[in-house]
Amino acid sequence: MGWQDLPIRVDVDSDESVSEIYVQERDCIKSIEELIAFVQRWQPLFKLFTWTKPKMGSAAYETYNAYEDLVEGTFNPKEALECMSKLRNEGECGHESKYSCCGMHIMMPYPLLDAFLVAEKYEVPFNVALIQLNGGFGVKYF
């Protein structure tokens, strides 16, 4: 699974970035059913980010578990929707660690955050950064 599996076509020349479309769709979510459908539609995006499971008890362990629940579709949609609403309205979700809640990961998934940072640093379009971060076009030059 890679960037080619995203629910929209990712063109390097596109005027619309994946992040803009993602945010537009995310901001239209009003119900649990819409949230579940959204997460299923954008599953390939969540799966672009991979990491090694941290040690149990470490600070990153809860974050890892929350993100894995999102990737696997086993998250609590009611809790995630409530967290998303609180994040939009209050800037906080109420969790001790906001990164251990799926709502935060839906608001800003790691692949989008990584691509934002790369696009800004190297002054390239967002879609180019997203593609390059996730294997490029599969062309090997050397």
N, C-alpha and C. Protein backbone atom coordinates (compact mmCIF):
# COMPACT_ATOMS: atom_id res chain seq x y z
N MET A 1 0.85 -1.17 0.00
CA MET A 1 0.00 0.00 0.00
C MET A 1 0.90 1.23 0.00
N GLY A 2 0.56 2.19 -0.83
CA GLY A 2 1.38 3.40 -0.92
C GLY A 2 0.54 4.59 -1.33
N TRP A 3 1.21 5.67 -1.71
CA TRP A 3 0.50 6.89 -2.07
C TRP A 3 -0.40 6.70 -3.28
N GLN A 4 -0.11 5.70 -4.11
CA GLN A 4 -0.95 5.42 -5.27
C GLN A 4 -2.34 4.94 -4.87
N ASP A 5 -2.49 4.47 -3.63
CA ASP A 5 -3.76 3.94 -3.15
C ASP A 5 -4.64 4.99 -2.48
N LEU A 6 -4.18 6.23 -2.44
CA LEU A 6 -4.99 7.29 -1.82
C LEU A 6 -6.31 7.43 -2.55
N PRO A 7 -7.35 7.91 -1.87
CA PRO A 7 -8.68 7.97 -2.49
C PRO A 7 -8.83 9.06 -3.55
N ILE A 8 -7.81 9.87 -3.73
CA ILE A 8 -7.83 10.87 -4.80
C ILE A 8 -6.57 10.72 -5.61
N ARG A 9 -6.61 11.20 -6.83
CA ARG A 9 -5.43 11.13 -7.68
C ARG A 9 -4.41 12.16 -7.20
N VAL A 10 -3.20 11.72 -7.04
CA VAL A 10 -2.13 12.60 -6.59
C VAL A 10 -1.26 12.92 -7.80
N ASP A 11 -1.44 14.09 -8.34
CA ASP A 11 -0.62 14.52 -9.46
C ASP A 11 0.36 15.56 -8.98
N VAL A 12 1.55 15.47 -9.47
CA VAL A 12 2.56 16.44 -9.13
C VAL A 12 2.13 17.83 -9.62
N ASP A 13 1.44 17.88 -10.76
CA ASP A 13 1.02 19.15 -11.34
C ASP A 13 -0.31 19.66 -10.82
N SER A 14 -0.96 18.92 -9.94
CA SER A 14 -2.29 19.29 -9.46
C SER A 14 -2.24 20.57 -8.64
N ASP A 15 -3.24 21.41 -8.82
CA ASP A 15 -3.36 22.63 -8.02
C ASP A 15 -3.91 22.32 -6.63
N GLU A 16 -4.64 21.22 -6.50
CA GLU A 16 -5.20 20.84 -5.20
C GLU A 16 -4.26 19.85 -4.52
N SER A 17 -3.93 20.15 -3.29
CA SER A 17 -3.06 19.22 -2.58
C SER A 17 -3.92 18.21 -1.82
N VAL A 18 -3.33 17.08 -1.56
CA VAL A 18 -4.00 16.04 -0.80
C VAL A 18 -4.46 16.60 0.54
N SER A 19 -3.62 17.42 1.15
CA SER A 19 -3.97 17.97 2.46
C SER A 19 -5.21 18.84 2.40
N GLU A 20 -5.36 19.65 1.35
CA GLU A 20 -6.53 20.52 1.23
C GLU A 20 -7.81 19.69 1.10
N ILE A 21 -7.76 18.66 0.29
CA ILE A 21 -8.93 17.81 0.10
C ILE A 21 -9.24 17.05 1.37
N TYR A 22 -8.20 16.53 2.02
CA TYR A 22 -8.38 15.81 3.28
C TYR A 22 -9.07 16.71 4.31
N VAL A 23 -8.56 17.92 4.48
CA VAL A 23 -9.11 18.84 5.48
C VAL A 23 -10.54 19.24 5.14
N GLN A 24 -10.82 19.48 3.87
CA GLN A 24 -12.20 19.82 3.45
C GLN A 24 -13.16 18.69 3.82
N GLU A 25 -12.78 17.47 3.51
CA GLU A 25 -13.64 16.33 3.82
C GLU A 25 -13.74 16.12 5.33
N ARG A 26 -12.63 16.24 6.02
CA ARG A 26 -12.61 16.04 7.48
C ARG A 26 -13.51 17.05 8.18
N ASP A 27 -13.49 18.28 7.72
CA ASP A 27 -14.27 19.33 8.37
C ASP A 27 -15.76 19.21 8.13
N CYS A 28 -16.17 18.34 7.22
CA CYS A 28 -17.60 18.11 6.96
C CYS A 28 -18.18 17.00 7.82
N ILE A 29 -17.36 16.32 8.58
CA ILE A 29 -17.81 15.19 9.41
C ILE A 29 -18.69 15.71 10.54
N LYS A 30 -19.91 15.18 10.61
CA LYS A 30 -20.85 15.59 11.65
C LYS A 30 -21.36 14.41 12.49
N SER A 31 -21.18 13.20 12.00
CA SER A 31 -21.74 12.04 12.70
C SER A 31 -20.71 10.91 12.79
N ILE A 32 -21.00 9.97 13.65
CA ILE A 32 -20.13 8.80 13.81
C ILE A 32 -20.04 8.03 12.49
N GLU A 33 -21.17 7.88 11.81
CA GLU A 33 -21.19 7.15 10.54
C GLU A 33 -20.30 7.84 9.50
N GLU A 34 -20.37 9.17 9.46
CA GLU A 34 -19.53 9.92 8.51
C GLU A 34 -18.05 9.78 8.87
N LEU A 35 -17.76 9.76 10.17
CA LEU A 35 -16.37 9.60 10.61
C LEU A 35 -15.83 8.23 10.20
N ILE A 36 -16.62 7.19 10.43
CA ILE A 36 -16.19 5.84 10.05
C ILE A 36 -15.94 5.75 8.55
N ALA A 37 -16.86 6.31 7.75
CA ALA A 37 -16.69 6.29 6.29
C ALA A 37 -15.45 7.08 5.88
N PHE A 38 -15.21 8.21 6.53
CA PHE A 38 -14.04 9.04 6.23
C PHE A 38 -12.74 8.27 6.52
N VAL A 39 -12.69 7.64 7.70
CA VAL A 39 -11.48 6.89 8.07
C VAL A 39 -11.25 5.73 7.11
N GLN A 40 -12.31 5.06 6.71
CA GLN A 40 -12.16 3.96 5.75
C GLN A 40 -11.67 4.49 4.40
N ARG A 41 -12.21 5.61 3.97
CA ARG A 41 -11.80 6.20 2.69
C ARG A 41 -10.32 6.61 2.70
N TRP A 42 -9.87 7.16 3.83
CA TRP A 42 -8.50 7.67 3.91
C TRP A 42 -7.54 6.68 4.56
N GLN A 43 -7.94 5.44 4.72
CA GLN A 43 -7.08 4.40 5.31
C GLN A 43 -5.70 4.35 4.64
N PRO A 44 -5.63 4.43 3.31
CA PRO A 44 -4.29 4.39 2.69
C PRO A 44 -3.37 5.52 3.17
N LEU A 45 -3.94 6.67 3.47
CA LEU A 45 -3.12 7.78 3.98
C LEU A 45 -2.55 7.43 5.35
N PHE A 46 -3.40 6.94 6.23
CA PHE A 46 -2.94 6.58 7.59
C PHE A 46 -1.86 5.50 7.53
N LYS A 47 -1.97 4.61 6.57
CA LYS A 47 -1.02 3.51 6.46
C LYS A 47 0.33 3.92 5.87
N LEU A 48 0.43 5.15 5.37
CA LEU A 48 1.71 5.60 4.84
C LEU A 48 2.75 5.77 5.94
N PHE A 49 2.30 6.00 7.14
CA PHE A 49 3.22 6.20 8.26
C PHE A 49 3.44 4.87 8.97
N THR A 50 4.67 4.45 9.03
CA THR A 50 4.99 3.20 9.72
C THR A 50 6.08 3.48 10.75
N TRP A 51 6.04 2.74 11.82
CA TRP A 51 7.05 2.88 12.85
C TRP A 51 7.17 1.59 13.62
N THR A 52 8.24 1.49 14.36
CA THR A 52 8.49 0.32 15.18
C THR A 52 7.78 0.51 16.51
N LYS A 53 7.14 -0.55 16.96
CA LYS A 53 6.40 -0.47 18.22
C LYS A 53 7.36 -0.14 19.36
N PRO A 54 7.05 0.95 20.09
CA PRO A 54 7.91 1.32 21.22
C PRO A 54 7.75 0.37 22.40
N LYS A 55 8.65 0.48 23.35
CA LYS A 55 8.58 -0.36 24.55
C LYS A 55 7.34 0.00 25.37
N MET A 56 6.70 -1.04 25.92
CA MET A 56 5.53 -0.82 26.76
C MET A 56 5.93 0.06 27.95
N GLY A 57 5.07 1.00 28.25
CA GLY A 57 5.34 1.92 29.36
C GLY A 57 6.04 3.20 28.93
N SER A 58 6.59 3.22 27.73
CA SER A 58 7.25 4.44 27.27
C SER A 58 6.19 5.47 26.87
N ALA A 59 6.61 6.72 26.77
CA ALA A 59 5.68 7.79 26.42
C ALA A 59 5.10 7.59 25.02
N ALA A 60 5.87 7.01 24.15
CA ALA A 60 5.41 6.82 22.78
C ALA A 60 4.46 5.63 22.62
N TYR A 61 4.40 4.76 23.62
CA TYR A 61 3.60 3.54 23.51
C TYR A 61 2.11 3.83 23.32
N GLU A 62 1.56 4.75 24.11
CA GLU A 62 0.14 5.10 23.99
C GLU A 62 -0.14 5.76 22.64
N THR A 63 0.77 6.61 22.20
CA THR A 63 0.61 7.26 20.90
C THR A 63 0.60 6.21 19.80
N TYR A 64 1.53 5.27 19.88
CA TYR A 64 1.60 4.19 18.90
C TYR A 64 0.29 3.40 18.86
N ASN A 65 -0.20 3.03 20.04
CA ASN A 65 -1.44 2.24 20.10
C ASN A 65 -2.63 2.99 19.53
N ALA A 66 -2.74 4.28 19.83
CA ALA A 66 -3.84 5.08 19.29
C ALA A 66 -3.77 5.15 17.77
N TYR A 67 -2.57 5.35 17.25
CA TYR A 67 -2.42 5.44 15.79
C TYR A 67 -2.69 4.08 15.14
N GLU A 68 -2.22 3.03 15.75
CA GLU A 68 -2.47 1.68 15.21
C GLU A 68 -3.97 1.35 15.23
N ASP A 69 -4.69 1.79 16.26
CA ASP A 69 -6.15 1.59 16.29
C ASP A 69 -6.80 2.29 15.10
N LEU A 70 -6.30 3.46 14.77
CA LEU A 70 -6.83 4.20 13.62
C LEU A 70 -6.51 3.46 12.32
N VAL A 71 -5.27 3.04 12.17
CA VAL A 71 -4.84 2.32 10.96
C VAL A 71 -5.64 1.03 10.78
N GLU A 72 -5.87 0.32 11.87
CA GLU A 72 -6.57 -0.96 11.80
C GLU A 72 -8.09 -0.81 11.80
N GLY A 73 -8.58 0.39 12.05
CA GLY A 73 -10.03 0.62 12.08
C GLY A 73 -10.69 0.13 13.35
N THR A 74 -9.91 -0.04 14.41
CA THR A 74 -10.46 -0.53 15.67
C THR A 74 -10.61 0.58 16.71
N PHE A 75 -10.53 1.82 16.27
CA PHE A 75 -10.64 2.97 17.17
C PHE A 75 -12.09 3.15 17.62
N ASN A 76 -12.28 3.95 18.67
CA ASN A 76 -13.61 4.26 19.18
C ASN A 76 -14.10 5.52 18.46
N PRO A 77 -15.01 5.39 17.48
CA PRO A 77 -15.41 6.56 16.69
C PRO A 77 -16.15 7.63 17.50
N LYS A 78 -16.91 7.20 18.51
CA LYS A 78 -17.63 8.19 19.33
C LYS A 78 -16.64 9.06 20.09
N GLU A 79 -15.66 8.42 20.71
CA GLU A 79 -14.63 9.16 21.45
C GLU A 79 -13.82 10.05 20.50
N ALA A 80 -13.47 9.52 19.33
CA ALA A 80 -12.68 10.30 18.37
C ALA A 80 -13.45 11.53 17.90
N LEU A 81 -14.75 11.38 17.62
CA LEU A 81 -15.56 12.51 17.18
C LEU A 81 -15.67 13.56 18.27
N GLU A 82 -15.83 13.13 19.51
CA GLU A 82 -15.88 14.07 20.64
C GLU A 82 -14.56 14.82 20.78
N CYS A 83 -13.45 14.10 20.65
CA CYS A 83 -12.13 14.73 20.74
C CYS A 83 -11.93 15.73 19.61
N MET A 84 -12.33 15.36 18.41
CA MET A 84 -12.19 16.27 17.27
C MET A 84 -12.98 17.55 17.50
N SER A 85 -14.18 17.42 18.03
CA SER A 85 -15.01 18.58 18.31
C SER A 85 -14.36 19.48 19.36
N LYS A 86 -13.84 18.88 20.42
CA LYS A 86 -13.16 19.65 21.46
C LYS A 86 -11.91 20.32 20.92
N LEU A 87 -11.15 19.61 20.09
CA LEU A 87 -9.94 20.19 19.51
C LEU A 87 -10.28 21.40 18.66
N ARG A 88 -11.35 21.31 17.86
CA ARG A 88 -11.77 22.44 17.02
C ARG A 88 -12.22 23.63 17.86
N ASN A 89 -13.02 23.35 18.89
CA ASN A 89 -13.65 24.43 19.65
C ASN A 89 -12.82 24.96 20.80
N GLU A 90 -12.04 24.09 21.43
CA GLU A 90 -11.32 24.50 22.63
C GLU A 90 -9.80 24.40 22.50
N GLY A 91 -9.33 23.74 21.45
CA GLY A 91 -7.89 23.56 21.27
C GLY A 91 -7.30 22.44 22.11
N GLU A 92 -8.12 21.80 22.89
CA GLU A 92 -7.70 20.68 23.75
C GLU A 92 -8.75 19.58 23.63
N CYS A 93 -8.33 18.34 23.84
CA CYS A 93 -9.31 17.26 23.74
C CYS A 93 -9.66 16.64 25.09
N GLY A 94 -8.91 16.98 26.12
CA GLY A 94 -9.23 16.46 27.44
C GLY A 94 -8.41 15.25 27.84
N HIS A 95 -7.71 14.63 26.90
CA HIS A 95 -6.84 13.51 27.24
C HIS A 95 -5.57 14.04 27.91
N GLU A 96 -5.02 13.23 28.78
CA GLU A 96 -3.76 13.62 29.42
C GLU A 96 -2.70 13.87 28.35
N SER A 97 -2.66 12.99 27.37
CA SER A 97 -1.78 13.18 26.22
C SER A 97 -2.64 13.21 24.97
N LYS A 98 -2.73 14.36 24.34
CA LYS A 98 -3.60 14.46 23.16
C LYS A 98 -3.12 13.56 22.02
N TYR A 99 -1.88 13.15 22.07
CA TYR A 99 -1.37 12.28 21.01
C TYR A 99 -1.76 10.83 21.21
N SER A 100 -2.37 10.53 22.35
CA SER A 100 -2.82 9.16 22.59
C SER A 100 -4.29 9.00 22.24
N CYS A 101 -4.86 9.99 21.54
CA CYS A 101 -6.26 9.87 21.13
C CYS A 101 -6.36 9.87 19.61
N CYS A 102 -7.24 9.05 19.10
CA CYS A 102 -7.40 8.94 17.65
C CYS A 102 -7.92 10.23 17.03
N GLY A 103 -8.69 11.00 17.80
CA GLY A 103 -9.20 12.27 17.27
C GLY A 103 -8.09 13.18 16.81
N MET A 104 -7.03 13.25 17.59
CA MET A 104 -5.88 14.09 17.21
C MET A 104 -5.22 13.57 15.95
N HIS A 105 -5.11 12.26 15.84
CA HIS A 105 -4.47 11.68 14.65
C HIS A 105 -5.33 11.87 13.40
N ILE A 106 -6.63 11.94 13.57
CA ILE A 106 -7.51 12.21 12.43
C ILE A 106 -7.40 13.69 12.05
N MET A 107 -7.31 14.55 13.04
CA MET A 107 -7.18 15.98 12.76
C MET A 107 -5.91 16.27 11.97
N MET A 108 -4.80 15.61 12.35
CA MET A 108 -3.53 15.82 11.64
C MET A 108 -2.74 14.53 11.63
N PRO A 109 -2.97 13.69 10.61
CA PRO A 109 -2.22 12.43 10.54
C PRO A 109 -0.73 12.66 10.25
N TYR A 110 0.08 11.77 10.77
CA TYR A 110 1.53 11.88 10.61
C TYR A 110 1.98 12.06 9.16
N PRO A 111 1.44 11.32 8.18
CA PRO A 111 1.93 11.51 6.81
C PRO A 111 1.73 12.95 6.30
N LEU A 112 0.62 13.58 6.69
CA LEU A 112 0.41 14.97 6.26
C LEU A 112 1.38 15.90 6.97
N LEU A 113 1.60 15.67 8.25
CA LEU A 113 2.53 16.50 9.01
C LEU A 113 3.93 16.39 8.42
N ASP A 114 4.37 15.18 8.16
CA ASP A 114 5.70 14.98 7.56
C ASP A 114 5.81 15.69 6.22
N ALA A 115 4.79 15.55 5.38
CA ALA A 115 4.83 16.17 4.06
C ALA A 115 4.83 17.70 4.16
N PHE A 116 4.08 18.26 5.12
CA PHE A 116 4.11 19.71 5.33
C PHE A 116 5.52 20.18 5.64
N LEU A 117 6.20 19.47 6.54
CA LEU A 117 7.54 19.87 6.94
C LEU A 117 8.52 19.79 5.78
N VAL A 118 8.45 18.72 5.00
CA VAL A 118 9.35 18.56 3.86
C VAL A 118 9.05 19.59 2.78
N ALA A 119 7.76 19.82 2.50
CA ALA A 119 7.38 20.79 1.47
C ALA A 119 7.91 22.18 1.82
N GLU A 120 7.78 22.54 3.07
CA GLU A 120 8.25 23.87 3.49
C GLU A 120 9.77 23.95 3.45
N LYS A 121 10.43 22.94 3.98
CA LYS A 121 11.90 22.98 4.05
C LYS A 121 12.53 23.03 2.66
N TYR A 122 12.01 22.23 1.74
CA TYR A 122 12.63 22.13 0.41
C TYR A 122 11.89 22.96 -0.65
N GLU A 123 10.88 23.69 -0.20
CA GLU A 123 10.13 24.58 -1.08
C GLU A 123 9.61 23.85 -2.32
N VAL A 124 8.93 22.74 -2.06
CA VAL A 124 8.31 21.96 -3.13
C VAL A 124 6.81 21.88 -2.86
N PRO A 125 6.00 21.62 -3.89
CA PRO A 125 4.57 21.45 -3.66
C PRO A 125 4.29 20.30 -2.69
N PHE A 126 3.21 20.43 -1.94
CA PHE A 126 2.86 19.43 -0.94
C PHE A 126 2.79 18.03 -1.54
N ASN A 127 2.12 17.88 -2.68
CA ASN A 127 1.97 16.54 -3.27
C ASN A 127 3.31 15.92 -3.63
N VAL A 128 4.26 16.73 -4.08
CA VAL A 128 5.60 16.22 -4.39
C VAL A 128 6.25 15.69 -3.12
N ALA A 129 6.13 16.44 -2.03
CA ALA A 129 6.72 16.00 -0.77
C ALA A 129 6.08 14.69 -0.30
N LEU A 130 4.76 14.60 -0.41
CA LEU A 130 4.06 13.38 0.02
C LEU A 130 4.51 12.18 -0.81
N ILE A 131 4.62 12.35 -2.09
CA ILE A 131 5.05 11.26 -2.97
C ILE A 131 6.48 10.85 -2.65
N GLN A 132 7.37 11.82 -2.53
CA GLN A 132 8.77 11.50 -2.27
C GLN A 132 8.98 10.84 -0.91
N LEU A 133 8.22 11.27 0.08
CA LEU A 133 8.34 10.67 1.41
C LEU A 133 7.89 9.21 1.41
N ASN A 134 7.11 8.85 0.44
CA ASN A 134 6.52 7.52 0.44
C ASN A 134 6.92 6.71 -0.78
N GLY A 135 8.21 6.78 -1.11
CA GLY A 135 8.76 5.92 -2.14
C GLY A 135 8.88 6.53 -3.51
N GLY A 136 8.49 7.77 -3.65
CA GLY A 136 8.59 8.42 -4.95
C GLY A 136 7.79 7.68 -6.00
N PHE A 137 8.26 7.76 -7.21
CA PHE A 137 7.55 7.12 -8.33
C PHE A 137 8.08 5.71 -8.60
N GLY A 138 8.94 5.24 -7.72
CA GLY A 138 9.47 3.89 -7.88
C GLY A 138 10.56 3.80 -8.94
N VAL A 139 11.08 4.94 -9.35
CA VAL A 139 12.14 4.97 -10.35
C VAL A 139 13.49 4.96 -9.64
N LYS A 140 14.35 4.05 -10.03
CA LYS A 140 15.67 3.99 -9.44
C LYS A 140 16.67 4.55 -10.44
N TYR A 141 17.46 5.52 -9.99
CA TYR A 141 18.40 6.15 -10.88
C TYR A 141 19.79 5.54 -10.78
N PHE A 142 20.08 4.90 -9.68
CA PHE A 142 21.42 4.33 -9.51
C PHE A 142 21.31 2.87 -9.17
